[in-house]
Amino acid sequence: MTKRALITGVTGQDGSYMAEFLLGKGYEVHGLIRRASTFNTSRIDHLYVDPHSPDARLFLHYGDLSDGARLTTLLAAIKPDEVYNLAAQSHVRVSFEEPEHTADTTGTGTIRMLEAVRLSGIQTRFYQASSSELYGATPPLQNEDTPFYPRSPYGAAKLYSFWITKNYREAYGIFAVNGILFNHESPRRGETFVTRKITRAVAAIKAGMQDYVYMGNLDAVRDWGYAPEYVEAMWRMLQADEPDDYVVATGEGITVREFLQTAFEHAGLNWEDHVRFDERYLRPTEVDALIGDASRARNKLDWVPTIRGKELARLMVDADIEALEHAGRPWIDKVQLDSWATSVVHGAAEQ
């Protein structure tokens, strides 16, 4: 029988790659999307087939993690074999500006999903998107036994989600796992996250559309991996015989400065000529270094990453240069190009 999955956050980076991955595995995929007056499905448009078609295997449903009743009725109707809870207010820097909203979606949203699983009475396997931001001030290497010390409203909300997922696993016997994913990026990463902010700026500077990009802390160390590889790790967690929690990481950390340098050099540019400091992009409490030890995932799930930080920087630069070249064709209004450059310089709050 065809397996059925529900993905919250299906229009995000991870959600779109997960939908793509599961469709490739022959799943019927259901995605939760928020109602908006504008289209917000660009990352999954290439996957969409008219639901009237007999070939349709991706189905979208309106809903929100703030609406527990809607989640319960949806789960009861869909009866998914697997649930991937990827939706959240996912931007660390923004969580300082919207702490209540972050707590409600990133934290309380998880218990609404777990309660929906419990109250609907379905038998399903539940994946919770945890984060390396749980570790915060705890020095690397970080693994599943490392003490948590979050340093942001986002990290604190994710900490609640981690423990409530573990509690529902133990209290109600739900097959529920936490994937503690370290930073994972791709050309589909949101434009206001630091990696994509950098690679979009490189493309715009290379094209002569702007001169500078404004940055915050360049000394932060992050373990950057490739998002499509990380969604496979999520899937593998739900195929295991027993539920457990797993760190997903490359084990290699580089600084933001090294990512910058690699990205600019790949485009034949000197980063020091184009990078300016802006204190607005600093966090009130910084996280100095996150580097994960994914030994458990390697040993129990047979999962091994192949793309690491500097290679990822080059991959993303190539994608953004190509995207800008396509956008620059004559039939595109110059306003669109101007808006690209403006968003890179002024509209980007770093992760």
Protein backbone atom coordinates (compact mmCIF):
# COMPACT_ATOMS: atom_id res chain seq x y z
CA MET A 1 0.00 0.00 0.00
CA THR A 2 1.10 3.57 -0.68
CA LYS A 3 2.47 5.31 2.39
CA ARG A 4 0.96 8.65 3.33
CA ALA A 5 2.79 11.55 5.00
CA LEU A 6 1.80 14.95 6.37
CA ILE A 7 4.36 17.77 6.33
CA THR A 8 3.84 20.99 8.27
CA GLY A 9 5.96 23.80 6.87
CA VAL A 10 5.82 22.18 3.43
CA THR A 11 6.48 25.52 1.68
CA GLY A 12 9.77 26.08 3.55
CA GLN A 13 13.25 24.94 2.60
CA ASP A 14 13.12 21.63 4.49
CA GLY A 15 9.45 21.01 3.76
CA SER A 16 9.93 21.37 0.02
CA TYR A 17 12.90 19.01 -0.03
CA MET A 18 11.02 16.53 2.17
CA ALA A 19 8.01 16.59 -0.16
CA GLU A 20 10.32 16.03 -3.11
CA PHE A 21 12.10 13.18 -1.34
CA LEU A 22 8.91 11.41 -0.25
CA LEU A 23 7.27 11.73 -3.66
CA GLY A 24 10.40 10.12 -5.07
CA LYS A 25 9.84 7.25 -2.64
CA GLY A 26 6.27 6.79 -3.90
CA TYR A 27 4.48 8.42 -0.96
CA GLU A 28 1.21 10.30 -1.07
CA VAL A 29 2.17 13.63 0.46
CA HIS A 30 -0.08 16.10 2.27
CA GLY A 31 1.21 19.55 3.16
CA LEU A 32 -0.04 22.14 5.64
CA ILE A 33 0.06 25.72 4.34
CA ARG A 34 -1.02 29.01 5.89
CA ARG A 35 -3.69 31.06 4.16
CA ALA A 36 -2.27 34.20 2.56
CA SER A 37 -3.52 36.71 0.03
CA THR A 38 -0.45 36.05 -2.12
CA PHE A 39 0.99 32.79 -3.40
CA ASN A 40 3.60 31.36 -1.04
CA THR A 41 4.28 28.01 -2.69
CA SER A 42 7.21 28.83 -4.98
CA ARG A 43 9.45 26.13 -3.50
CA ILE A 44 6.95 23.36 -4.28
CA ASP A 45 5.33 24.63 -7.49
CA HIS A 46 7.42 22.22 -9.56
CA LEU A 47 5.93 19.31 -7.57
CA TYR A 48 2.31 20.32 -7.83
CA VAL A 49 -0.17 18.40 -9.99
CA ASP A 50 -3.84 19.35 -10.29
CA PRO A 51 -5.61 17.34 -7.55
CA HIS A 52 -8.25 16.32 -10.10
CA SER A 53 -5.59 14.40 -12.02
CA PRO A 54 -5.24 10.66 -11.35
CA ASP A 55 -1.47 11.32 -11.14
CA ALA A 56 -1.78 13.75 -8.23
CA ARG A 57 0.15 12.68 -5.12
CA LEU A 58 0.75 16.06 -3.45
CA PHE A 59 -2.22 17.62 -1.68
CA LEU A 60 -2.21 20.95 0.18
CA HIS A 61 -4.44 21.86 3.13
CA TYR A 62 -4.95 25.19 4.84
CA GLY A 63 -4.08 25.16 8.52
CA ASP A 64 -1.84 26.65 11.17
CA LEU A 65 0.03 25.43 14.24
CA SER A 66 -1.98 27.94 16.29
CA ASP A 67 -5.23 26.04 15.57
CA GLY A 68 -5.29 22.75 17.47
CA ALA A 69 -8.83 21.82 16.42
CA ARG A 70 -7.94 22.13 12.73
CA LEU A 71 -4.84 19.98 13.23
CA THR A 72 -6.87 17.25 14.94
CA THR A 73 -9.53 17.08 12.24
CA LEU A 74 -6.92 17.08 9.49
CA LEU A 75 -4.97 14.22 11.04
CA ALA A 76 -8.15 12.22 11.56
CA ALA A 77 -9.12 12.74 7.91
CA ILE A 78 -5.70 12.15 6.33
CA LYS A 79 -4.54 9.32 8.63
CA PRO A 80 -0.87 9.74 7.73
CA ASP A 81 1.66 6.99 8.36
CA GLU A 82 4.26 9.66 9.06
CA VAL A 83 4.09 13.25 10.29
CA TYR A 84 6.98 15.68 9.78
CA ASN A 85 6.53 18.75 11.98
CA LEU A 86 8.79 21.25 10.23
CA ALA A 87 6.72 24.43 10.62
CA ALA A 88 7.97 27.17 12.96
CA GLN A 89 9.05 30.77 13.23
CA SER A 90 12.52 29.61 12.28
CA HIS A 91 14.67 32.75 12.32
CA VAL A 92 16.86 33.08 15.41
CA ARG A 93 17.51 36.83 15.15
CA VAL A 94 13.83 37.58 14.50
CA SER A 95 12.86 35.58 17.60
CA PHE A 96 14.31 38.38 19.75
CA GLU A 97 11.92 40.80 18.05
CA GLU A 98 8.90 38.44 18.08
CA PRO A 99 9.41 36.29 21.20
CA GLU A 100 5.72 35.64 21.89
CA HIS A 101 4.96 34.62 18.32
CA THR A 102 8.03 32.38 18.34
CA ALA A 103 6.91 30.72 21.57
CA ASP A 104 3.42 30.16 20.18
CA THR A 105 4.47 28.60 16.86
CA THR A 106 7.88 27.09 17.54
CA GLY A 107 7.06 25.93 21.06
CA THR A 108 3.34 25.57 21.72
CA GLY A 109 2.67 24.58 18.11
CA THR A 110 4.46 21.30 18.77
CA ILE A 111 2.21 20.28 21.63
CA ARG A 112 -0.82 21.12 19.49
CA MET A 113 0.53 18.72 16.87
CA LEU A 114 1.23 16.01 19.45
CA GLU A 115 -2.21 16.45 21.01
CA ALA A 116 -3.74 16.20 17.55
CA VAL A 117 -1.96 12.87 17.06
CA ARG A 118 -3.15 11.65 20.45
CA LEU A 119 -6.76 12.88 20.20
CA SER A 120 -7.28 11.73 16.61
CA GLY A 121 -6.39 8.21 17.68
CA ILE A 122 -4.30 7.51 14.58
CA GLN A 123 -1.24 5.30 14.56
CA THR A 124 1.56 7.38 13.07
CA ARG A 125 5.25 8.13 13.40
CA PHE A 126 6.05 11.70 14.38
CA TYR A 127 9.17 13.70 13.53
CA GLN A 128 9.91 16.89 15.45
CA ALA A 129 12.36 19.39 13.98
CA SER A 130 14.74 20.21 16.81
CA SER A 131 17.74 22.50 16.45
CA SER A 132 21.39 22.91 17.35
CA GLU A 133 20.29 26.20 18.94
CA LEU A 134 19.32 24.02 21.92
CA TYR A 135 23.02 23.91 22.83
CA GLY A 136 23.60 27.66 22.66
CA ALA A 137 26.42 28.48 25.07
CA THR A 138 27.55 24.86 25.59
CA PRO A 139 30.91 24.43 23.80
CA PRO A 140 31.36 21.87 20.99
CA LEU A 141 31.47 19.09 20.10
CA GLN A 142 27.75 18.66 20.79
CA ASN A 143 25.94 15.32 20.72
CA GLU A 144 22.72 13.84 22.10
CA ASP A 145 24.15 13.78 25.65
CA THR A 146 25.46 17.36 25.66
CA PRO A 147 23.68 19.70 28.13
CA PHE A 148 21.34 22.25 26.57
CA TYR A 149 21.85 26.00 27.10
CA PRO A 150 19.72 27.97 24.62
CA ARG A 151 20.58 31.63 24.04
CA SER A 152 17.53 32.95 22.19
CA PRO A 153 13.72 32.86 22.36
CA TYR A 154 13.92 30.53 19.36
CA GLY A 155 16.27 28.16 21.18
CA ALA A 156 14.13 28.23 24.31
CA ALA A 157 10.99 27.43 22.29
CA LYS A 158 12.78 24.56 20.57
CA LEU A 159 13.86 23.29 23.99
CA TYR A 160 10.22 23.05 25.06
CA SER A 161 9.38 21.23 21.84
CA PHE A 162 12.23 18.77 22.36
CA TRP A 163 11.14 17.81 25.87
CA ILE A 164 7.40 17.67 25.15
CA THR A 165 8.08 15.36 22.20
CA LYS A 166 10.15 13.11 24.44
CA ASN A 167 7.42 13.26 27.11
CA TYR A 168 4.65 12.22 24.69
CA ARG A 169 6.84 9.35 23.52
CA GLU A 170 7.22 8.11 27.08
CA ALA A 171 3.73 8.95 28.37
CA TYR A 172 1.58 7.78 25.44
CA GLY A 173 3.80 5.40 23.51
CA ILE A 174 3.81 7.59 20.40
CA PHE A 175 6.62 6.82 17.95
CA ALA A 176 8.05 10.35 18.25
CA VAL A 177 11.60 11.42 17.50
CA ASN A 178 13.62 14.63 17.71
CA GLY A 179 16.02 15.41 14.91
CA ILE A 180 18.57 17.85 16.35
CA LEU A 181 19.64 19.35 13.06
CA PHE A 182 22.65 21.63 12.88
CA ASN A 183 22.64 24.44 10.31
CA HIS A 184 21.63 23.15 6.90
CA GLU A 185 21.39 25.34 3.84
CA SER A 186 20.63 25.26 0.12
CA PRO A 187 19.65 27.53 -2.77
CA ARG A 188 16.11 27.35 -1.33
CA ARG A 189 17.17 28.89 1.99
CA GLY A 190 15.24 32.06 2.89
CA GLU A 191 16.91 35.26 1.74
CA THR A 192 17.27 36.70 5.25
CA PHE A 193 19.34 33.81 6.62
CA VAL A 194 23.03 34.61 6.75
CA THR A 195 24.27 32.05 4.22
CA ARG A 196 21.73 32.99 1.54
CA LYS A 197 22.15 36.67 2.33
CA ILE A 198 25.85 36.25 1.54
CA THR A 199 25.44 34.24 -1.67
CA ARG A 200 22.71 36.54 -3.03
CA ALA A 201 24.94 39.52 -2.31
CA VAL A 202 27.85 37.87 -4.12
CA ALA A 203 25.64 37.36 -7.18
CA ALA A 204 24.42 40.97 -7.10
CA ILE A 205 27.93 42.42 -6.62
CA LYS A 206 29.30 40.21 -9.38
CA ALA A 207 26.57 41.57 -11.67
CA GLY A 208 27.46 45.17 -10.77
CA MET A 209 24.11 45.81 -9.10
CA GLN A 210 25.50 46.79 -5.70
CA ASP A 211 28.80 47.38 -3.93
CA TYR A 212 28.36 46.23 -0.34
CA VAL A 213 26.66 43.75 1.95
CA TYR A 214 26.20 44.57 5.64
CA MET A 215 27.02 41.89 8.19
CA GLY A 216 27.06 41.29 11.94
CA ASN A 217 29.19 38.78 13.86
CA LEU A 218 31.76 37.21 11.52
CA ASP A 219 33.44 35.11 14.23
CA ALA A 220 30.51 32.77 14.92
CA VAL A 221 31.33 29.14 14.09
CA ARG A 222 28.67 26.96 12.50
CA ASP A 223 28.45 23.39 11.25
CA TRP A 224 26.83 23.91 7.84
CA GLY A 225 25.41 20.98 5.85
CA TYR A 226 23.25 20.48 2.77
CA ALA A 227 19.49 20.47 3.36
CA PRO A 228 18.53 17.68 0.88
CA GLU A 229 20.89 15.32 2.70
CA TYR A 230 19.40 16.30 6.05
CA VAL A 231 15.81 15.53 5.05
CA GLU A 232 16.91 11.99 4.22
CA ALA A 233 18.20 11.72 7.79
CA MET A 234 14.75 12.79 9.05
CA TRP A 235 13.10 10.07 6.99
CA ARG A 236 15.57 7.45 8.21
CA MET A 237 14.67 8.29 11.83
CA LEU A 238 11.05 7.29 11.16
CA GLN A 239 12.07 4.03 9.49
CA ALA A 240 14.00 2.83 12.56
CA ASP A 241 12.69 -0.03 14.71
CA GLU A 242 12.53 2.15 17.85
CA PRO A 243 12.11 5.92 18.33
CA ASP A 244 15.16 7.88 19.44
CA ASP A 245 16.67 11.36 19.19
CA TYR A 246 19.50 12.11 16.78
CA VAL A 247 22.03 14.85 16.08
CA VAL A 248 22.38 15.53 12.34
CA ALA A 249 25.57 17.40 11.45
CA THR A 250 28.76 17.25 9.37
CA GLY A 251 31.18 17.49 12.31
CA GLU A 252 33.04 20.34 10.64
CA GLY A 253 32.70 23.97 11.70
CA ILE A 254 33.73 27.13 9.88
CA THR A 255 33.30 30.80 10.77
CA VAL A 256 30.93 33.16 9.02
CA ARG A 257 34.07 34.93 7.81
CA GLU A 258 35.32 31.73 6.16
CA PHE A 259 31.95 31.18 4.49
CA LEU A 260 32.07 34.79 3.24
CA GLN A 261 35.60 34.45 1.94
CA THR A 262 34.84 31.18 0.14
CA ALA A 263 31.67 32.59 -1.46
CA PHE A 264 33.35 35.78 -2.72
CA GLU A 265 36.50 34.03 -3.92
CA HIS A 266 34.39 31.55 -5.88
CA ALA A 267 32.99 34.51 -7.83
CA GLY A 268 36.46 36.05 -8.28
CA LEU A 269 35.87 38.80 -5.71
CA ASN A 270 37.72 40.00 -2.60
CA TRP A 271 35.23 39.91 0.27
CA GLU A 272 37.02 42.64 2.25
CA ASP A 273 36.24 45.14 -0.52
CA HIS A 274 32.50 44.55 -0.20
CA VAL A 275 31.61 43.67 3.41
CA ARG A 276 30.61 46.31 5.95
CA PHE A 277 29.69 45.90 9.63
CA ASP A 278 26.22 46.77 10.96
CA GLU A 279 25.58 46.27 14.68
CA ARG A 280 21.84 45.81 14.02
CA TYR A 281 22.64 42.28 12.88
CA LEU A 282 24.15 41.26 16.21
CA ARG A 283 22.08 39.11 18.57
CA PRO A 284 21.50 40.31 22.15
CA THR A 285 23.07 36.99 23.24
CA GLU A 286 25.43 35.33 20.79
CA VAL A 287 26.05 31.65 20.17
CA ASP A 288 29.78 31.29 19.58
CA ALA A 289 30.25 27.79 18.21
CA LEU A 290 28.02 24.90 17.12
CA ILE A 291 29.68 21.75 15.78
CA GLY A 292 27.78 18.47 15.91
CA ASP A 293 28.81 14.88 16.54
CA ALA A 294 26.45 12.73 14.44
CA SER A 295 27.94 9.37 15.46
CA ARG A 296 24.56 7.98 16.54
CA ALA A 297 22.97 8.82 13.17
CA ARG A 298 25.93 7.29 11.38
CA ASN A 299 25.89 4.09 13.44
CA LYS A 300 22.14 3.54 13.80
CA LEU A 301 20.75 5.11 10.63
CA ASP A 302 23.70 4.61 8.28
CA TRP A 303 23.53 8.32 7.46
CA VAL A 304 26.69 10.12 6.32
CA PRO A 305 26.82 13.70 4.93
CA THR A 306 28.86 14.43 1.81
CA ILE A 307 28.66 18.25 1.44
CA ARG A 308 30.17 20.59 4.01
CA GLY A 309 30.38 24.33 4.61
CA LYS A 310 32.82 25.62 2.00
CA GLU A 311 31.54 23.36 -0.76
CA LEU A 312 28.02 24.46 0.18
CA ALA A 313 29.03 28.14 -0.17
CA ARG A 314 30.27 27.52 -3.71
CA LEU A 315 27.14 25.55 -4.62
CA MET A 316 24.85 28.34 -3.37
CA VAL A 317 26.84 31.08 -5.12
CA ASP A 318 26.53 29.24 -8.44
CA ALA A 319 22.77 28.88 -7.94
CA ASP A 320 22.27 32.57 -7.10
CA ILE A 321 24.42 33.76 -10.01
CA GLU A 322 22.38 31.58 -12.36
CA ALA A 323 19.09 32.78 -10.83
CA LEU A 324 20.11 36.42 -11.26
CA GLU A 325 21.18 35.83 -14.86
CA HIS A 326 17.73 34.43 -15.60
CA ALA A 327 16.06 37.35 -13.81
CA GLY A 328 18.16 39.77 -15.85
CA ARG A 329 16.77 38.72 -19.21
CA PRO A 330 15.27 41.66 -21.18
CA TRP A 331 11.63 40.80 -20.54
CA ILE A 332 12.07 41.26 -16.78
CA ASP A 333 11.34 44.76 -15.52
CA LYS A 334 14.36 46.53 -14.01
CA VAL A 335 12.28 47.12 -10.84
CA GLN A 336 12.56 43.40 -10.14
CA LEU A 337 16.34 43.60 -10.34
CA ASP A 338 16.38 46.68 -8.12
CA SER A 339 14.25 44.88 -5.56
CA TRP A 340 16.71 41.95 -5.53
CA ALA A 341 19.61 44.27 -4.65
CA THR A 342 17.61 46.26 -2.09
CA SER A 343 16.49 43.14 -0.25
CA VAL A 344 20.07 41.91 -0.02
CA VAL A 345 21.38 45.15 1.48
CA HIS A 346 18.53 46.40 3.63
CA GLY A 347 16.02 43.62 4.18
CA ALA A 348 18.19 40.89 5.59
CA ALA A 349 18.33 40.09 9.28
CA GLU A 350 20.98 37.46 9.89
CA GLN A 351 20.39 34.16 11.58
